[in-house]
Amino acid sequence: MFDRETILPLTFGCVLALTAHALVVPSMLDHVFGSGPDRTPKPDLRIESVIAPRQIRLGQTARVRFHVVNRGDADAQVTLQWTDAVFLSDDDKLSDDDRPFVFSTGPRTLPNSVFTANGDPLRYEFQMPVQSLDEGLHYFLFVADIDDAIDEGKHESNNIVAVSIEVLGEPKPAPDLSIPDASVPQRVEVGSDMTVDFTVINTGKLDTPADSWQDALYLSYDDRLSRDDTLIATSKNPWALKREAGYPTDITGMIDLPPGVGGRMYAIIVT
């Protein structure tokens, strides 16, 4: 085997043999010293720990979080900066017509930085308004090193993570009954009557289409209405409600619970 410092001892009488064998020597040197695969350790930037909503309405704001990590064998070192970004796309592939939501500019860039291999991640969190989109399925595209500022060698192709999101249209106008305030006794005895006073207001964008409905009072061991809660009494609403109109009312009912049942409970009012 030859190396770059090898000297072949030859006599003058072997000049023709040297000429013939000289055609073989370059290919042997190429085999030993040729430009094979680049085995230099490289950084490997990746997107990990993505948190994003899977469904959102037009006009709402999406809160997204993600990490950029270096899983390579070398530090990611640049003389200026690299840029991470989030796009909104109609498919799971990055293209020129995708809409950029966020670029990591300002304090989120890393000027003259070294991103240590397998070190702590870069943590991003953004509030992104979702507007001017068609309803249906779209994708958030999280991209590390969007401008390829860092030489990652064979790892350049794994810098993008796509997460689907369903965009819903703006809700249609509707009435919205709410109970802004209520007065409830702090202590009642089993077998006695209980009265609660409350107000019902229509905070929606339309008048109530129905003239009549029932308000109800329940007792519960927690603050969520479920099938095992006890209905105490109901009352009929006095009139229909226009937008931003309301009515004060009350419900009275006897606390009829099984023997031995008691303790701290919740009054739940439903309209």
Protein backbone atom coordinates (compact mmCIF):
# COMPACT_ATOMS: atom_id res chain seq x y z
CA MET A 1 0.00 0.00 0.00
CA PHE A 2 1.31 3.47 -0.93
CA ASP A 3 1.19 6.66 1.06
CA ARG A 4 2.00 10.20 0.04
CA GLU A 5 5.66 9.93 1.12
CA THR A 6 6.45 6.60 -0.59
CA ILE A 7 9.46 6.65 -2.99
CA LEU A 8 9.68 3.78 -5.47
CA PRO A 9 13.29 2.62 -6.09
CA LEU A 10 13.69 1.97 -9.84
CA THR A 11 16.61 1.46 -12.21
CA PHE A 12 16.98 3.17 -15.58
CA GLY A 13 16.20 -0.08 -17.31
CA CYS A 14 12.69 -0.13 -15.90
CA VAL A 15 11.49 3.16 -17.38
CA LEU A 16 9.00 1.46 -19.69
CA ALA A 17 7.61 -0.59 -16.79
CA LEU A 18 7.27 2.59 -14.75
CA THR A 19 5.31 4.21 -17.55
CA ALA A 20 2.92 1.29 -17.77
CA HIS A 21 2.34 1.01 -14.04
CA ALA A 22 2.04 4.75 -13.53
CA LEU A 23 -1.51 4.51 -14.92
CA VAL A 24 -2.49 2.34 -11.99
CA VAL A 25 -0.98 4.38 -9.18
CA PRO A 26 -3.46 7.35 -9.29
CA SER A 27 -6.49 5.07 -8.91
CA MET A 28 -4.86 3.38 -5.95
CA LEU A 29 -4.19 6.74 -4.36
CA ASP A 30 -7.77 7.78 -5.00
CA HIS A 31 -8.92 4.64 -3.25
CA VAL A 32 -6.83 5.45 -0.20
CA PHE A 33 -7.04 9.24 -0.11
CA GLY A 34 -10.08 10.03 -2.27
CA SER A 35 -13.04 12.23 -1.27
CA GLY A 36 -15.27 9.67 0.47
CA PRO A 37 -18.21 10.45 2.78
CA ASP A 38 -17.68 13.42 5.07
CA ARG A 39 -17.38 11.89 8.52
CA THR A 40 -16.78 15.20 10.29
CA PRO A 41 -19.09 15.47 13.35
CA LYS A 42 -22.02 17.76 12.60
CA PRO A 43 -24.80 19.39 14.63
CA ASP A 44 -28.34 18.09 14.16
CA LEU A 45 -31.05 20.65 14.97
CA ARG A 46 -34.52 19.22 15.60
CA ILE A 47 -37.97 20.39 16.69
CA GLU A 48 -39.26 18.63 19.81
CA SER A 49 -41.90 18.99 22.57
CA VAL A 50 -44.48 20.72 20.36
CA ILE A 51 -47.67 21.90 22.08
CA ALA A 52 -50.32 23.40 19.79
CA PRO A 53 -54.13 23.41 19.64
CA ARG A 54 -55.70 20.81 17.36
CA GLN A 55 -58.82 22.93 16.75
CA ILE A 56 -59.43 26.68 16.77
CA ARG A 57 -61.96 29.24 15.52
CA LEU A 58 -61.20 32.10 13.18
CA GLY A 59 -60.35 35.21 15.15
CA GLN A 60 -59.04 33.29 18.14
CA THR A 61 -55.41 33.21 19.24
CA ALA A 62 -53.39 30.01 19.19
CA ARG A 63 -50.83 29.47 21.92
CA VAL A 64 -47.94 27.28 20.72
CA ARG A 65 -44.82 26.03 22.43
CA PHE A 66 -41.88 24.06 21.09
CA HIS A 67 -38.21 23.30 21.70
CA VAL A 68 -35.26 23.38 19.32
CA VAL A 69 -32.57 20.88 20.33
CA ASN A 70 -29.21 19.84 18.94
CA ARG A 71 -29.04 16.03 18.75
CA GLY A 72 -25.83 15.98 16.72
CA ASP A 73 -22.24 15.13 17.57
CA ALA A 74 -20.97 18.70 17.30
CA ASP A 75 -21.91 22.12 18.62
CA ALA A 76 -23.97 24.39 16.35
CA GLN A 77 -21.76 27.43 15.87
CA VAL A 78 -22.50 30.37 13.59
CA THR A 79 -20.84 33.73 13.05
CA LEU A 80 -24.11 35.67 12.76
CA GLN A 81 -27.35 33.91 13.71
CA TRP A 82 -29.79 31.24 12.72
CA THR A 83 -33.55 31.66 12.58
CA ASP A 84 -36.33 29.37 13.76
CA ALA A 85 -39.86 29.92 12.45
CA VAL A 86 -43.49 28.80 12.49
CA PHE A 87 -45.59 28.70 9.31
CA LEU A 88 -49.23 27.98 8.57
CA SER A 89 -49.69 25.70 5.58
CA ASP A 90 -52.48 23.97 3.67
CA ASP A 91 -50.41 20.75 3.72
CA ASP A 92 -47.58 19.22 5.73
CA LYS A 93 -44.81 20.37 3.34
CA LEU A 94 -43.02 23.73 3.50
CA SER A 95 -43.42 25.75 0.27
CA ASP A 96 -43.13 29.35 -0.92
CA ASP A 97 -46.85 30.02 -0.55
CA ASP A 98 -47.00 29.05 3.14
CA ARG A 99 -47.81 31.90 5.51
CA PRO A 100 -45.14 32.75 8.08
CA PHE A 101 -46.57 33.28 11.54
CA VAL A 102 -43.49 33.82 13.66
CA PHE A 103 -39.79 34.28 13.06
CA SER A 104 -37.41 34.13 15.99
CA THR A 105 -36.13 37.67 15.65
CA GLY A 106 -34.80 40.06 18.26
CA PRO A 107 -33.89 38.45 21.58
CA ARG A 108 -34.85 34.98 20.32
CA THR A 109 -31.94 34.90 17.83
CA LEU A 110 -28.54 33.62 18.91
CA PRO A 111 -25.87 36.00 17.58
CA ASN A 112 -22.32 34.62 17.71
CA SER A 113 -23.73 31.63 19.52
CA VAL A 114 -22.75 28.07 20.26
CA PHE A 115 -25.60 25.59 20.69
CA THR A 116 -24.07 22.69 22.59
CA ALA A 117 -24.62 19.15 21.33
CA ASN A 118 -27.28 17.41 23.46
CA GLY A 119 -27.40 20.43 25.76
CA ASP A 120 -30.40 22.37 27.03
CA PRO A 121 -33.03 23.16 24.37
CA LEU A 122 -34.13 26.54 23.09
CA ARG A 123 -37.65 27.06 24.41
CA TYR A 124 -40.17 29.04 22.39
CA GLU A 125 -43.70 30.17 23.25
CA PHE A 126 -45.87 32.32 20.99
CA GLN A 127 -49.38 33.75 20.87
CA MET A 128 -50.52 33.58 17.24
CA PRO A 129 -53.81 35.10 15.95
CA VAL A 130 -55.63 32.87 13.45
CA GLN A 131 -57.26 35.10 10.84
CA SER A 132 -58.06 35.27 7.09
CA LEU A 133 -58.05 31.51 6.60
CA ASP A 134 -60.41 29.08 4.95
CA GLU A 135 -62.24 26.70 7.23
CA GLY A 136 -60.90 23.16 7.30
CA LEU A 137 -57.63 21.33 7.91
CA HIS A 138 -54.36 23.28 8.02
CA TYR A 139 -50.89 22.63 9.43
CA PHE A 140 -48.49 24.42 11.71
CA LEU A 141 -44.97 23.90 10.36
CA PHE A 142 -42.27 24.32 13.00
CA VAL A 143 -38.90 24.91 11.31
CA ALA A 144 -35.43 25.01 12.83
CA ASP A 145 -32.71 26.98 11.01
CA ILE A 146 -34.99 28.17 8.21
CA ASP A 147 -32.06 29.73 6.25
CA ASP A 148 -29.67 26.76 6.62
CA ALA A 149 -27.15 28.96 8.39
CA ILE A 150 -25.76 25.93 10.22
CA ASP A 151 -24.01 23.17 8.31
CA GLU A 152 -25.74 20.01 9.53
CA GLY A 153 -24.39 17.70 6.84
CA LYS A 154 -26.76 14.78 6.30
CA HIS A 155 -29.08 16.07 9.04
CA GLU A 156 -30.53 18.99 7.04
CA SER A 157 -33.73 17.11 6.14
CA ASN A 158 -35.17 16.68 9.66
CA ASN A 159 -35.61 20.32 10.69
CA ILE A 160 -39.40 20.49 10.16
CA VAL A 161 -42.30 19.16 12.25
CA ALA A 162 -45.88 19.43 10.96
CA VAL A 163 -48.87 19.51 13.34
CA SER A 164 -52.42 19.54 11.97
CA ILE A 165 -55.02 22.05 13.16
CA GLU A 166 -58.69 22.28 12.22
CA VAL A 167 -59.84 25.85 11.63
CA LEU A 168 -63.52 26.43 12.38
CA GLY A 169 -65.61 29.32 11.13
CA GLU A 170 -66.77 32.13 13.34
CA PRO A 171 -69.73 31.04 15.50
CA LYS A 172 -73.16 32.07 14.27
CA PRO A 173 -74.96 34.71 16.35
CA ALA A 174 -77.05 33.14 19.12
CA PRO A 175 -78.60 33.99 22.48
CA ASP A 176 -76.47 33.20 25.51
CA LEU A 177 -78.16 32.95 28.92
CA SER A 178 -75.90 33.49 31.91
CA ILE A 179 -76.24 33.85 35.69
CA PRO A 180 -73.96 36.70 36.83
CA ASP A 181 -74.96 36.64 40.49
CA ALA A 182 -76.80 34.48 43.02
CA SER A 183 -77.59 34.51 46.74
CA VAL A 184 -77.48 31.14 48.51
CA PRO A 185 -77.90 30.40 52.26
CA GLN A 186 -74.73 29.21 53.93
CA ARG A 187 -76.50 26.55 56.03
CA VAL A 188 -79.73 24.59 55.62
CA GLU A 189 -81.30 21.68 57.46
CA VAL A 190 -82.46 18.48 55.79
CA GLY A 191 -86.25 18.58 55.56
CA SER A 192 -86.43 22.39 55.53
CA ASP A 193 -87.03 24.74 52.61
CA MET A 194 -84.17 26.38 50.75
CA THR A 195 -84.49 29.57 48.66
CA VAL A 196 -81.92 30.93 46.24
CA ASP A 197 -82.16 34.33 44.52
CA PHE A 198 -80.42 34.91 41.20
CA THR A 199 -80.49 36.92 37.96
CA VAL A 200 -80.59 35.59 34.41
CA ILE A 201 -79.19 37.79 31.58
CA ASN A 202 -79.04 37.23 27.82
CA THR A 203 -75.43 38.16 26.94
CA GLY A 204 -75.67 36.74 23.41
CA LYS A 205 -76.06 38.51 20.07
CA LEU A 206 -79.69 37.47 19.41
CA ASP A 207 -82.99 37.58 21.30
CA THR A 208 -84.14 34.28 22.78
CA PRO A 209 -86.23 32.43 20.16
CA ALA A 210 -88.32 30.68 22.84
CA ASP A 211 -90.67 32.46 25.23
CA SER A 212 -90.58 29.79 27.92
CA TRP A 213 -87.96 27.64 29.64
CA GLN A 214 -87.20 26.20 33.06
CA ASP A 215 -84.61 27.29 35.61
CA ALA A 216 -83.51 24.63 38.10
CA LEU A 217 -81.75 24.24 41.46
CA TYR A 218 -79.62 21.18 42.27
CA LEU A 219 -77.53 20.07 45.25
CA SER A 220 -74.16 18.47 44.49
CA TYR A 221 -71.07 17.25 46.32
CA ASP A 222 -68.86 19.03 43.77
CA ASP A 223 -69.09 22.10 41.56
CA ARG A 224 -70.06 20.23 38.38
CA LEU A 225 -73.55 19.12 37.38
CA SER A 226 -73.86 15.35 36.92
CA ARG A 227 -76.58 12.69 36.85
CA ASP A 228 -76.19 11.79 40.53
CA ASP A 229 -76.90 15.34 41.73
CA THR A 230 -80.22 16.02 43.52
CA LEU A 231 -82.87 18.20 41.88
CA ILE A 232 -84.43 20.48 44.53
CA ALA A 233 -86.90 22.57 42.51
CA THR A 234 -87.60 24.27 39.18
CA SER A 235 -89.24 27.52 38.12
CA LYS A 236 -90.56 28.90 34.86
CA ASN A 237 -88.97 32.03 33.42
CA PRO A 238 -91.22 35.12 33.50
CA TRP A 239 -90.61 36.31 29.91
CA ALA A 240 -88.43 36.04 26.81
CA LEU A 241 -85.18 37.99 26.78
CA LYS A 242 -83.86 40.41 24.22
CA ARG A 243 -80.15 41.06 23.86
CA GLU A 244 -78.59 42.25 27.14
CA ALA A 245 -81.96 41.98 28.92
CA GLY A 246 -82.51 39.93 32.06
CA TYR A 247 -84.80 39.07 34.93
CA PRO A 248 -84.38 38.57 38.68
CA THR A 249 -85.98 35.42 40.08
CA ASP A 250 -85.81 32.86 42.85
CA ILE A 251 -86.34 29.15 43.39
CA THR A 252 -87.60 27.57 46.60
CA GLY A 253 -87.58 23.88 47.34
CA MET A 254 -87.42 21.47 50.26
CA ILE A 255 -84.11 19.77 51.04
CA ASP A 256 -85.24 16.17 50.68
CA LEU A 257 -82.16 14.01 51.17
CA PRO A 258 -81.78 10.41 52.47
CA PRO A 259 -81.10 9.99 56.22
CA GLY A 260 -77.47 10.46 57.13
CA VAL A 261 -76.69 12.49 54.00
CA GLY A 262 -75.25 15.92 54.61
CA GLY A 263 -72.03 17.84 54.93
CA ARG A 264 -70.57 20.42 52.62
CA MET A 265 -72.49 20.62 49.33
CA TYR A 266 -72.85 22.97 46.37
CA ALA A 267 -76.00 24.70 45.10
CA ILE A 268 -76.00 24.56 41.30
CA ILE A 269 -78.38 26.84 39.43
CA VAL A 270 -79.17 25.99 35.81
CA THR A 271 -81.06 28.17 33.33
